[in-house]
Amino acid sequence: MRINLGQMLTNRAFLSPELEAAVGDGYRYTYAQVNARANRFASRLAALGLGKGDRIAVLCKNNEHVTCALYGAAKIGVITTVLNWRLTPPELEYILGDCGASLLLYDDAFAESVESLRGKVAARHFLRHGGQGSDPEFEEFLAQGREEEPVIQSGGDDPCVIMYTSGTTGKPKGAMISHDNTFWASVGLTHTIPWFPRDRYLLVAPLFHIGGLAPIFANVHLGLTVVYMPDFDPLAVYKTIEAERINFMMSVPLMLMAMTMVPPEVVQSLDLSSFRHFICGASQVPPQLIQLYAQKGLKIYQVYGATEYAGAITFWTPEMGMDKVASVGKAVFHGQVKACLPGSGEEVPVGEVGELCLYGPQVFLGYWQNPKASQEALDGGCYRSGDLGRVDQDGCVYVVDRLKDMIISGGENVYPAEIEAILKKHPAVAEVAVAGRPDQKWGEVPVAFVVLKPDQSATEEDIIQVCRQNLAGFKQVKEVRFVEALPKNATGKVLKTELRGQLAQ
């Protein structure tokens, strides 16, 4: 029998029907209940004529109805695209057009954005969660479905999730994650760091990131309770840990730094004895932050991951020692990382810098309808990460730099090419290059270097306004530097390393 993501929920409900599966605002569902809800959703999709290979999209904050849709769709072979709700309507329009979603499930909070998309995208069906409107409401839609198990329609290396990640061309690419990928991603998590059946997990990392979604695969597979938090708030996190007896959560450094700002007397007044550790990733975790939490008796497991690897690639654990804290630790169980000569795949000697190439059953299928990008990223079962790094004699991985020039701002991946493509539309811009400037709060922020056309003028506010109109807030440039020329090599390629050097001064 081939692995099917939805079937994993079926099996968990069979083994642990009364175990609390999902907790959120106004609901508590057992595994038997969430599986019945997923089955109802699957039957309703089928009634709409959707089946294997069709796509649906979800524009929602963290909530059980997102995973209900995901697992229900997976049972009948429908692929789910999880949309970043921070994106602007033009950005969402491109992604919805690219994946060709037939149905869009959205939270009522995003009704205005959805209304602006209606008629511009291929979606024939719209489902609203909460609020009032003309579209069918999710819970009412669900109530008309059937609870019996549907016939499993796909599995193995069929795609079940598409997650969009921006690329060097400036257009987002849909990373196809298979049913098998979700299984092995869950094994990699649960067999590498402490992750136990009947644990209680706080989901505050957004589901549109692989760092938010991959733990769901693990939690259903192993049998954990997920407490859904739609928005991050430091004090609310502490209070939820106490109220729901949370054991661990996924985070980014910015979250953990924000949590240190909660007054100590408030934290000390709460019973946090259930909590064991944080998982933290998206960017390097400052050693002083790890030590600060260690003084509070809380461990931080540092994770290095990628959408194209269905989640975690490596973990640094406290047991590896602070002398290894500059690394991102060792490859997850059943995973492998090699440092190779860029473009050749030949492994470099231990300790030398190369492109980090990833191996294992977690490697994604490729990019949706983008064979060129897929061919560039995949090589004989290996995913070329685009990150430069080295592997030491103990197998610990050190990320040195990024070949793709990606900026990580507040845990969000920001791709300069996407911003540059937007700014080039300004009539006064002749050339533009975007690089990341170190920032104490956000880690990095985008800065635009702009060369104006002869006899043309523009202000910093003009350039920033173009970003505001077309890009999500976390992608917008925070500074504009007007320059006479961009630094380039002999082949005309912009030297982003020089620009980053200027910003680091």
Protein backbone atom coordinates (compact mmCIF):
# COMPACT_ATOMS: atom_id res chain seq x y z
CA MET A 1 0.00 0.00 0.00
CA ARG A 2 1.34 3.43 -0.95
CA ILE A 3 1.59 6.10 1.74
CA ASN A 4 -1.18 8.70 1.64
CA LEU A 5 -1.11 11.77 3.88
CA GLY A 6 -4.85 11.57 4.55
CA GLN A 7 -4.62 7.87 5.33
CA MET A 8 -2.16 8.73 8.13
CA LEU A 9 -4.99 10.68 9.80
CA THR A 10 -7.34 7.72 9.27
CA ASN A 11 -4.85 5.39 10.94
CA ARG A 12 -4.24 7.78 13.84
CA ALA A 13 -7.99 8.12 14.42
CA PHE A 14 -8.28 4.31 14.47
CA LEU A 15 -5.50 3.96 17.04
CA SER A 16 -6.26 7.03 19.18
CA PRO A 17 -9.91 8.00 18.57
CA GLU A 18 -10.44 9.77 21.92
CA LEU A 19 -7.06 11.55 22.03
CA GLU A 20 -7.46 15.31 21.79
CA ALA A 21 -6.18 16.28 18.36
CA ALA A 22 -6.96 19.96 17.79
CA VAL A 23 -7.63 22.85 20.16
CA GLY A 24 -8.48 26.40 19.18
CA ASP A 25 -10.80 29.29 19.79
CA GLY A 26 -14.14 27.70 20.62
CA TYR A 27 -13.34 24.10 19.72
CA ARG A 28 -11.74 20.91 21.00
CA TYR A 29 -11.70 17.96 18.63
CA THR A 30 -10.57 14.37 19.15
CA TYR A 31 -8.78 12.45 16.40
CA ALA A 32 -12.03 10.64 15.62
CA GLN A 33 -13.71 14.02 15.11
CA VAL A 34 -10.99 15.61 12.99
CA ASN A 35 -10.87 12.52 10.79
CA ALA A 36 -14.66 12.62 10.35
CA ARG A 37 -14.40 16.31 9.42
CA ALA A 38 -11.66 15.55 6.87
CA ASN A 39 -13.85 12.82 5.36
CA ARG A 40 -16.76 15.25 5.12
CA PHE A 41 -14.56 17.72 3.29
CA ALA A 42 -13.29 15.03 0.92
CA SER A 43 -16.85 13.99 0.03
CA ARG A 44 -17.87 17.61 -0.61
CA LEU A 45 -14.87 18.15 -2.90
CA ALA A 46 -15.78 15.00 -4.79
CA ALA A 47 -19.36 16.24 -5.12
CA LEU A 48 -17.99 19.38 -6.78
CA GLY A 49 -16.21 17.17 -9.30
CA LEU A 50 -12.71 17.56 -7.87
CA GLY A 51 -10.41 14.54 -7.86
CA LYS A 52 -6.87 13.32 -8.26
CA GLY A 53 -4.52 16.01 -9.55
CA ASP A 54 -6.91 18.93 -9.04
CA ARG A 55 -5.76 21.80 -6.82
CA ILE A 56 -7.35 23.81 -4.06
CA ALA A 57 -5.87 26.82 -2.27
CA VAL A 58 -6.14 27.95 1.34
CA LEU A 59 -5.84 31.58 2.48
CA CYS A 60 -6.23 31.19 6.23
CA LYS A 61 -4.45 31.76 9.51
CA ASN A 62 -3.53 28.85 11.79
CA ASN A 63 -6.69 26.93 12.52
CA GLU A 64 -8.03 23.39 12.40
CA HIS A 65 -10.08 24.06 9.27
CA VAL A 66 -6.81 24.44 7.32
CA THR A 67 -5.58 20.97 8.25
CA CYS A 68 -9.09 19.57 7.83
CA ALA A 69 -9.01 20.75 4.22
CA LEU A 70 -5.45 19.53 3.67
CA TYR A 71 -6.04 15.99 4.96
CA GLY A 72 -9.47 15.65 3.41
CA ALA A 73 -8.18 16.77 0.01
CA ALA A 74 -5.19 14.41 0.26
CA LYS A 75 -7.47 11.39 0.72
CA ILE A 76 -8.97 11.84 -2.76
CA GLY A 77 -5.77 12.97 -4.46
CA VAL A 78 -6.52 16.71 -4.51
CA ILE A 79 -3.42 18.89 -4.03
CA THR A 80 -3.49 21.75 -1.51
CA THR A 81 -1.67 25.05 -2.01
CA VAL A 82 -1.18 26.90 1.29
CA LEU A 83 -1.11 30.64 0.57
CA ASN A 84 0.86 33.25 2.47
CA TRP A 85 -1.85 35.57 3.80
CA ARG A 86 0.69 38.40 4.09
CA LEU A 87 0.89 38.70 0.31
CA THR A 88 -0.83 41.41 -1.69
CA PRO A 89 -3.68 40.60 -4.14
CA PRO A 90 -1.35 40.88 -7.20
CA GLU A 91 1.05 38.37 -5.60
CA LEU A 92 -1.81 36.02 -4.74
CA GLU A 93 -3.24 36.38 -8.24
CA TYR A 94 0.00 35.12 -9.78
CA ILE A 95 0.19 32.09 -7.48
CA LEU A 96 -3.46 31.17 -7.95
CA GLY A 97 -3.04 31.50 -11.69
CA ASP A 98 0.09 29.37 -11.68
CA CYS A 99 -1.30 26.50 -9.60
CA GLY A 100 -4.73 26.68 -11.25
CA ALA A 101 -6.66 26.12 -8.02
CA SER A 102 -10.32 25.21 -8.62
CA LEU A 103 -11.39 26.16 -5.09
CA LEU A 104 -10.25 28.85 -2.67
CA LEU A 105 -10.91 28.51 1.06
CA TYR A 106 -10.38 31.80 2.87
CA ASP A 107 -10.84 33.35 6.29
CA ASP A 108 -13.41 36.13 6.42
CA ALA A 109 -10.60 38.49 7.48
CA PHE A 110 -9.28 38.24 3.91
CA ALA A 111 -12.62 38.74 2.17
CA GLU A 112 -11.58 42.08 0.71
CA SER A 113 -8.49 40.59 -0.93
CA VAL A 114 -10.52 37.66 -2.25
CA GLU A 115 -13.12 39.99 -3.71
CA SER A 116 -10.40 41.77 -5.69
CA LEU A 117 -9.25 38.40 -7.06
CA ARG A 118 -12.67 37.16 -8.11
CA GLY A 119 -12.88 36.89 -11.87
CA LYS A 120 -9.11 37.19 -12.27
CA VAL A 121 -8.26 33.64 -11.21
CA ALA A 122 -9.38 30.21 -12.37
CA ALA A 123 -11.12 29.27 -9.08
CA ARG A 124 -14.75 28.27 -9.68
CA HIS A 125 -15.60 27.72 -6.03
CA PHE A 126 -15.05 29.97 -3.00
CA LEU A 127 -15.46 28.91 0.63
CA ARG A 128 -15.54 31.42 3.45
CA HIS A 129 -14.63 30.57 7.04
CA GLY A 130 -16.47 32.76 9.54
CA GLY A 131 -18.17 36.11 9.09
CA GLN A 132 -20.93 36.96 6.66
CA GLY A 133 -20.89 36.88 2.87
CA SER A 134 -22.32 35.39 -0.28
CA ASP A 135 -19.88 32.46 -0.46
CA PRO A 136 -20.75 29.18 1.30
CA GLU A 137 -19.50 29.11 4.90
CA PHE A 138 -16.98 26.34 5.62
CA GLU A 139 -18.76 24.69 8.57
CA GLU A 140 -22.09 24.68 6.73
CA PHE A 141 -20.37 23.26 3.65
CA LEU A 142 -18.78 20.57 5.82
CA ALA A 143 -22.04 19.61 7.52
CA GLN A 144 -23.42 18.37 4.19
CA GLY A 145 -20.57 15.89 3.73
CA ARG A 146 -20.34 12.16 4.51
CA GLU A 147 -18.20 10.76 7.34
CA GLU A 148 -17.39 7.37 5.81
CA GLU A 149 -13.86 6.88 4.56
CA PRO A 150 -13.41 7.79 0.88
CA VAL A 151 -11.53 5.56 -1.52
CA ILE A 152 -7.88 6.63 -1.39
CA GLN A 153 -7.01 8.02 -4.81
CA SER A 154 -3.29 8.78 -4.66
CA GLY A 155 -0.13 8.33 -2.65
CA GLY A 156 3.58 7.64 -2.78
CA ASP A 157 5.32 10.07 -5.09
CA ASP A 158 2.13 11.87 -6.13
CA PRO A 159 2.13 15.52 -5.00
CA CYS A 160 -0.19 16.41 -2.12
CA VAL A 161 1.02 19.92 -1.24
CA ILE A 162 2.37 22.85 -3.26
CA MET A 163 4.19 25.53 -1.31
CA TYR A 164 5.35 28.63 -3.14
CA THR A 165 8.82 30.02 -2.66
CA SER A 166 10.14 32.99 -4.64
CA GLY A 167 12.94 32.33 -7.08
CA THR A 168 15.86 34.05 -8.73
CA THR A 169 13.70 34.99 -11.73
CA GLY A 170 11.49 37.10 -9.51
CA LYS A 171 8.44 34.84 -9.92
CA PRO A 172 7.36 32.44 -7.13
CA LYS A 173 7.89 28.72 -7.74
CA GLY A 174 5.58 26.01 -6.47
CA ALA A 175 7.54 23.33 -4.63
CA MET A 176 5.70 20.01 -4.99
CA ILE A 177 5.75 17.90 -1.82
CA SER A 178 4.68 14.28 -2.16
CA HIS A 179 2.81 11.98 0.20
CA ASP A 180 6.08 10.09 0.74
CA ASN A 181 7.85 13.38 1.54
CA THR A 182 5.37 14.13 4.33
CA PHE A 183 5.96 10.70 5.89
CA TRP A 184 9.74 10.99 5.84
CA ALA A 185 9.66 14.59 7.01
CA SER A 186 7.73 13.43 10.07
CA VAL A 187 10.24 10.62 10.68
CA GLY A 188 13.12 13.09 10.39
CA LEU A 189 11.57 15.32 13.06
CA THR A 190 10.40 12.69 15.52
CA HIS A 191 13.54 10.53 15.36
CA THR A 192 16.06 13.36 15.74
CA ILE A 193 14.88 15.47 18.69
CA PRO A 194 12.49 14.76 21.60
CA TRP A 195 9.01 14.43 20.05
CA PHE A 196 6.70 12.09 21.93
CA PRO A 197 3.18 10.64 21.54
CA ARG A 198 0.53 12.56 23.49
CA ASP A 199 2.74 15.66 23.74
CA ARG A 200 0.95 18.99 23.43
CA TYR A 201 2.29 21.23 20.67
CA LEU A 202 1.66 24.97 20.23
CA LEU A 203 1.29 25.90 16.56
CA VAL A 204 2.14 29.58 16.24
CA ALA A 205 4.54 29.39 13.27
CA PRO A 206 2.33 30.10 10.23
CA LEU A 207 1.12 27.11 8.23
CA PHE A 208 2.12 28.77 4.96
CA HIS A 209 5.76 28.14 5.99
CA ILE A 210 7.17 24.62 5.89
CA GLY A 211 8.29 25.23 9.48
CA GLY A 212 4.63 25.56 10.43
CA LEU A 213 3.27 22.79 8.22
CA ALA A 214 5.85 19.98 8.61
CA PRO A 215 5.22 19.59 12.38
CA ILE A 216 1.57 18.89 11.57
CA PHE A 217 2.68 15.87 9.54
CA ALA A 218 4.69 14.65 12.54
CA ASN A 219 1.98 15.36 15.09
CA VAL A 220 -0.70 13.40 13.24
CA HIS A 221 1.71 10.58 12.45
CA LEU A 222 2.85 10.20 16.06
CA GLY A 223 -0.32 11.27 17.89
CA LEU A 224 0.04 14.71 19.51
CA THR A 225 -2.39 17.43 20.45
CA VAL A 226 -2.06 20.62 18.39
CA VAL A 227 -3.11 23.92 19.94
CA TYR A 228 -3.67 26.45 17.15
CA MET A 229 -2.66 30.10 17.65
CA PRO A 230 -3.57 32.32 14.67
CA ASP A 231 -1.31 35.25 15.63
CA PHE A 232 1.89 35.47 17.61
CA ASP A 233 1.73 37.46 20.82
CA PRO A 234 4.50 36.92 23.41
CA LEU A 235 2.31 37.16 26.49
CA ALA A 236 -0.44 35.05 24.90
CA VAL A 237 2.15 32.34 24.17
CA TYR A 238 3.17 32.18 27.84
CA LYS A 239 -0.45 32.11 29.00
CA THR A 240 -1.33 29.37 26.49
CA ILE A 241 1.63 27.28 27.62
CA GLU A 242 0.22 27.40 31.15
CA ALA A 243 -3.44 26.92 30.24
CA GLU A 244 -2.93 24.09 27.72
CA ARG A 245 0.10 22.44 29.36
CA ILE A 246 2.16 22.90 26.19
CA ASN A 247 5.36 20.84 25.86
CA PHE A 248 7.09 22.54 22.90
CA MET A 249 6.66 24.80 19.86
CA MET A 250 8.32 25.94 16.65
CA SER A 251 9.62 29.52 16.58
CA VAL A 252 11.96 31.97 14.86
CA PRO A 253 14.60 34.07 16.66
CA LEU A 254 12.43 37.19 16.47
CA MET A 255 9.68 35.41 18.44
CA LEU A 256 12.06 34.28 21.15
CA MET A 257 13.56 37.75 21.43
CA ALA A 258 10.05 39.23 21.76
CA MET A 259 9.24 36.74 24.52
CA THR A 260 12.22 37.99 26.55
CA MET A 261 10.51 41.41 26.62
CA VAL A 262 7.61 40.11 28.72
CA PRO A 263 8.18 41.40 32.29
CA PRO A 264 9.93 38.71 34.40
CA GLU A 265 7.39 39.03 37.22
CA VAL A 266 4.61 38.13 34.76
CA VAL A 267 6.46 35.08 33.47
CA GLN A 268 7.33 33.94 37.00
CA SER A 269 3.68 34.13 38.03
CA LEU A 270 2.76 31.46 35.48
CA ASP A 271 3.11 27.69 35.78
CA LEU A 272 5.30 26.78 32.81
CA SER A 273 6.50 23.46 34.23
CA SER A 274 5.03 21.46 31.32
CA PHE A 275 7.22 23.21 28.75
CA ARG A 276 10.41 21.41 27.65
CA HIS A 277 11.93 23.22 24.69
CA PHE A 278 11.67 25.50 21.68
CA ILE A 279 12.51 24.58 18.11
CA CYS A 280 13.93 27.67 16.44
CA GLY A 281 14.95 28.30 12.84
CA ALA A 282 14.56 30.38 9.65
CA SER A 283 17.83 32.16 10.50
CA GLN A 284 20.84 31.56 12.74
CA VAL A 285 19.87 31.61 16.40
CA PRO A 286 22.15 33.97 18.37
CA PRO A 287 24.21 31.97 20.94
CA GLN A 288 23.38 34.53 23.62
CA LEU A 289 19.67 33.82 23.08
CA ILE A 290 20.27 30.09 23.52
CA GLN A 291 22.22 30.77 26.70
CA LEU A 292 19.59 33.18 28.01
CA TYR A 293 16.87 30.56 27.73
CA ALA A 294 19.19 27.89 29.13
CA GLN A 295 19.46 30.00 32.28
CA LYS A 296 15.66 29.76 32.51
CA GLY A 297 15.91 25.97 32.22
CA LEU A 298 14.58 25.91 28.64
CA LYS A 299 16.35 24.24 25.75
CA ILE A 300 16.46 25.53 22.19
CA TYR A 301 16.85 23.08 19.30
CA GLN A 302 18.16 25.01 16.31
CA VAL A 303 16.78 23.82 12.96
CA TYR A 304 17.96 24.44 9.40
CA GLY A 305 15.26 23.63 6.89
CA ALA A 306 13.93 24.15 3.39
CA THR A 307 10.57 23.88 1.67
CA GLU A 308 12.24 21.73 -0.99
CA TYR A 309 13.27 19.26 1.73
CA ALA A 310 9.75 19.11 3.20
CA GLY A 311 11.00 20.68 6.41
CA ALA A 312 13.98 20.08 8.67
CA ILE A 313 17.40 19.39 7.14
CA THR A 314 19.54 19.48 10.28
CA PHE A 315 19.27 20.10 14.01
CA TRP A 316 21.74 21.54 16.50
CA THR A 317 20.89 20.22 19.94
CA PRO A 318 22.25 21.39 23.30
CA GLU A 319 23.82 17.95 23.73
CA MET A 320 26.19 18.75 20.83
CA GLY A 321 27.73 21.49 22.98
CA MET A 322 28.13 25.24 22.73
CA ASP A 323 31.39 24.70 20.82
CA LYS A 324 29.16 23.60 17.91
CA VAL A 325 26.52 26.32 18.30
CA ALA A 326 27.80 28.21 15.24
CA SER A 327 26.77 25.17 13.21
CA VAL A 328 23.23 24.11 12.38
CA GLY A 329 23.99 20.65 13.70
CA LYS A 330 23.67 17.26 12.03
CA ALA A 331 21.36 15.92 9.33
CA VAL A 332 17.99 14.58 10.47
CA PHE A 333 17.40 10.85 10.69
CA HIS A 334 17.43 9.34 7.18
CA GLY A 335 18.84 12.60 5.75
CA GLN A 336 22.28 13.46 4.43
CA VAL A 337 24.09 16.72 3.69
CA LYS A 338 27.22 17.03 1.56
CA ALA A 339 29.29 20.09 0.65
CA CYS A 340 29.96 19.89 -3.11
CA LEU A 341 31.64 21.92 -5.81
CA PRO A 342 28.94 24.23 -7.20
CA GLY A 343 27.63 22.88 -10.47
CA SER A 344 29.51 19.56 -10.37
CA GLY A 345 28.19 17.55 -7.44
CA GLU A 346 31.71 16.46 -6.51
CA GLU A 347 32.08 16.39 -2.73
CA VAL A 348 34.74 18.73 -1.32
CA PRO A 349 37.12 17.65 1.46
CA VAL A 350 35.96 17.79 5.07
CA GLY A 351 35.88 21.35 6.37
CA GLU A 352 36.04 23.03 2.97
CA VAL A 353 33.23 25.26 1.68
CA GLY A 354 30.95 24.05 -1.09
CA GLU A 355 27.32 24.12 -2.09
CA LEU A 356 25.20 22.21 0.42
CA CYS A 357 23.57 19.30 -1.40
CA LEU A 358 20.77 17.41 0.31
CA TYR A 359 19.94 13.73 -0.04
CA GLY A 360 17.21 11.49 1.32
CA PRO A 361 13.52 10.62 0.91
CA GLN A 362 12.58 14.16 1.99
CA VAL A 363 13.77 15.71 -1.31
CA PHE A 364 10.80 17.30 -3.09
CA LEU A 365 9.45 16.34 -6.52
CA GLY A 366 10.34 19.58 -8.29
CA TYR A 367 8.62 22.86 -9.10
CA TRP A 368 5.07 22.94 -10.41
CA GLN A 369 5.02 23.42 -14.20
CA ASN A 370 8.63 24.63 -14.15
CA PRO A 371 10.88 21.90 -15.60
CA LYS A 372 13.82 24.28 -16.09
CA ALA A 373 13.94 25.31 -12.44
CA SER A 374 13.37 21.70 -11.38
CA GLN A 375 16.30 20.51 -13.48
CA GLU A 376 18.53 23.19 -11.98
CA ALA A 377 17.57 22.24 -8.43
CA LEU A 378 17.53 18.45 -8.68
CA ASP A 379 20.39 16.18 -9.66
CA GLY A 380 20.09 12.41 -9.32
CA GLY A 381 18.01 12.49 -6.15
CA CYS A 382 19.96 15.41 -4.70
CA TYR A 383 18.55 18.87 -4.01
CA ARG A 384 21.04 21.66 -4.62
CA SER A 385 20.20 24.02 -1.77
CA GLY A 386 21.91 27.10 -3.16
CA ASP A 387 23.52 27.59 0.24
CA LEU A 388 27.28 27.65 0.69
CA GLY A 389 28.55 25.73 3.68
CA ARG A 390 30.95 23.19 5.09
CA VAL A 391 30.68 19.93 6.99
CA ASP A 392 33.17 19.30 9.80
CA GLN A 393 34.76 16.03 10.89
CA ASP A 394 31.85 15.32 13.25
CA GLY A 395 29.23 15.82 10.54
CA CYS A 396 28.06 19.21 11.80
CA VAL A 397 26.94 21.56 9.04
CA TYR A 398 27.93 25.24 8.91
CA VAL A 399 26.01 27.58 6.59
CA VAL A 400 28.50 30.17 5.35
CA ASP A 401 26.63 32.19 2.72
CA ARG A 402 23.80 32.00 0.23
CA LEU A 403 24.35 31.48 -3.45
CA LYS A 404 20.83 32.71 -4.14
CA ASP A 405 21.30 36.07 -2.34
CA MET A 406 18.19 35.39 -0.28
CA ILE A 407 17.42 37.79 2.58
CA ILE A 408 15.88 36.43 5.78
CA SER A 409 13.87 39.16 7.51
CA GLY A 410 12.02 38.27 10.69
CA GLY A 411 12.02 34.61 9.68
CA GLU A 412 10.55 35.33 6.23
CA ASN A 413 12.46 34.48 3.05
CA VAL A 414 12.83 37.57 0.87
CA TYR A 415 14.21 37.15 -2.64
CA PRO A 416 15.90 40.24 -4.11
CA ALA A 417 14.98 39.28 -7.67
CA GLU A 418 11.27 39.52 -6.87
CA ILE A 419 11.68 43.05 -5.47
CA GLU A 420 13.98 44.06 -8.34
CA ALA A 421 11.41 42.91 -10.92
CA ILE A 422 8.82 45.20 -9.31
CA LEU A 423 11.12 48.23 -8.98
CA LYS A 424 12.25 47.99 -12.61
CA LYS A 425 8.70 48.93 -13.58
CA HIS A 426 9.24 52.44 -12.22
CA PRO A 427 9.76 54.70 -15.29
CA ALA A 428 12.77 56.48 -13.74
CA VAL A 429 14.69 53.30 -12.82
CA ALA A 430 17.45 52.20 -15.18
CA GLU A 431 18.97 49.50 -12.96
CA VAL A 432 18.30 48.20 -9.48
CA ALA A 433 19.83 45.67 -7.13
CA VAL A 434 18.53 44.65 -3.71
CA ALA A 435 20.66 43.32 -0.86
CA GLY A 436 20.16 42.61 2.83
CA ARG A 437 21.32 45.01 5.53
CA PRO A 438 21.95 43.60 9.03
CA ASP A 439 19.23 44.67 11.45
CA GLN A 440 19.13 44.08 15.19
CA LYS A 441 15.39 43.45 15.31
CA TRP A 442 14.63 41.69 12.01
CA GLY A 443 17.98 40.01 11.32
CA GLU A 444 18.12 41.56 7.84
CA VAL A 445 16.08 44.13 5.91
CA PRO A 446 16.03 44.75 2.12
CA VAL A 447 17.85 47.80 0.76
CA ALA A 448 17.57 48.93 -2.87
CA PHE A 449 20.51 50.32 -4.84
CA VAL A 450 19.00 52.32 -7.70
CA VAL A 451 20.54 53.77 -10.85
CA LEU A 452 18.23 56.37 -12.38
CA LYS A 453 17.77 56.93 -16.10
CA PRO A 454 19.42 60.07 -17.56
CA ASP A 455 17.28 63.16 -17.08
CA GLN A 456 14.90 61.23 -14.80
CA SER A 457 14.31 61.75 -11.09
CA ALA A 458 12.74 59.85 -8.21
CA THR A 459 12.77 60.10 -4.45
CA GLU A 460 13.24 57.37 -1.88
CA GLU A 461 9.52 57.60 -1.08
CA ASP A 462 8.68 57.10 -4.80
CA ILE A 463 10.62 53.84 -4.85
CA ILE A 464 9.24 52.60 -1.53
CA GLN A 465 5.70 53.38 -2.70
CA VAL A 466 6.12 51.00 -5.65
CA CYS A 467 6.91 48.25 -3.12
CA ARG A 468 3.93 49.14 -0.95
CA GLN A 469 1.56 48.81 -3.90
CA ASN A 470 2.88 45.45 -5.11
CA LEU A 471 4.60 43.55 -2.32
CA ALA A 472 3.85 42.17 1.11
CA GLY A 473 5.13 44.26 4.01
CA PHE A 474 8.05 41.99 4.87
CA LYS A 475 9.38 42.26 1.29
CA GLN A 476 9.37 46.04 1.08
CA VAL A 477 12.69 47.86 0.94
CA LYS A 478 13.49 49.81 4.09
CA GLU A 479 16.09 52.06 2.48
CA VAL A 480 16.94 53.31 -1.03
CA ARG A 481 20.45 54.27 -2.07
CA PHE A 482 20.78 56.13 -5.37
CA VAL A 483 24.09 55.26 -7.07
CA GLU A 484 25.82 56.17 -10.33
CA ALA A 485 26.48 52.52 -11.21
CA LEU A 486 26.14 49.03 -9.77
CA PRO A 487 29.30 46.97 -9.10
CA LYS A 488 29.60 44.21 -11.72
CA ASN A 489 32.01 41.47 -12.73
CA ALA A 490 33.47 40.94 -16.20
CA THR A 491 30.33 39.16 -17.41
CA GLY A 492 28.05 41.97 -16.25
CA LYS A 493 26.66 40.17 -13.18
CA VAL A 494 25.93 42.47 -10.25
CA LEU A 495 28.27 41.77 -7.34
CA LYS A 496 25.83 41.39 -4.45
CA THR A 497 28.71 40.58 -2.11
CA GLU A 498 30.06 44.12 -2.60
CA LEU A 499 26.65 45.62 -1.93
CA ARG A 500 26.27 43.56 1.24
CA GLY A 501 29.74 44.67 2.25
CA GLN A 502 28.71 48.32 1.93
CA LEU A 503 25.62 47.69 4.05
CA ALA A 504 27.61 45.92 6.75
CA GLN A 505 29.86 48.94 7.30
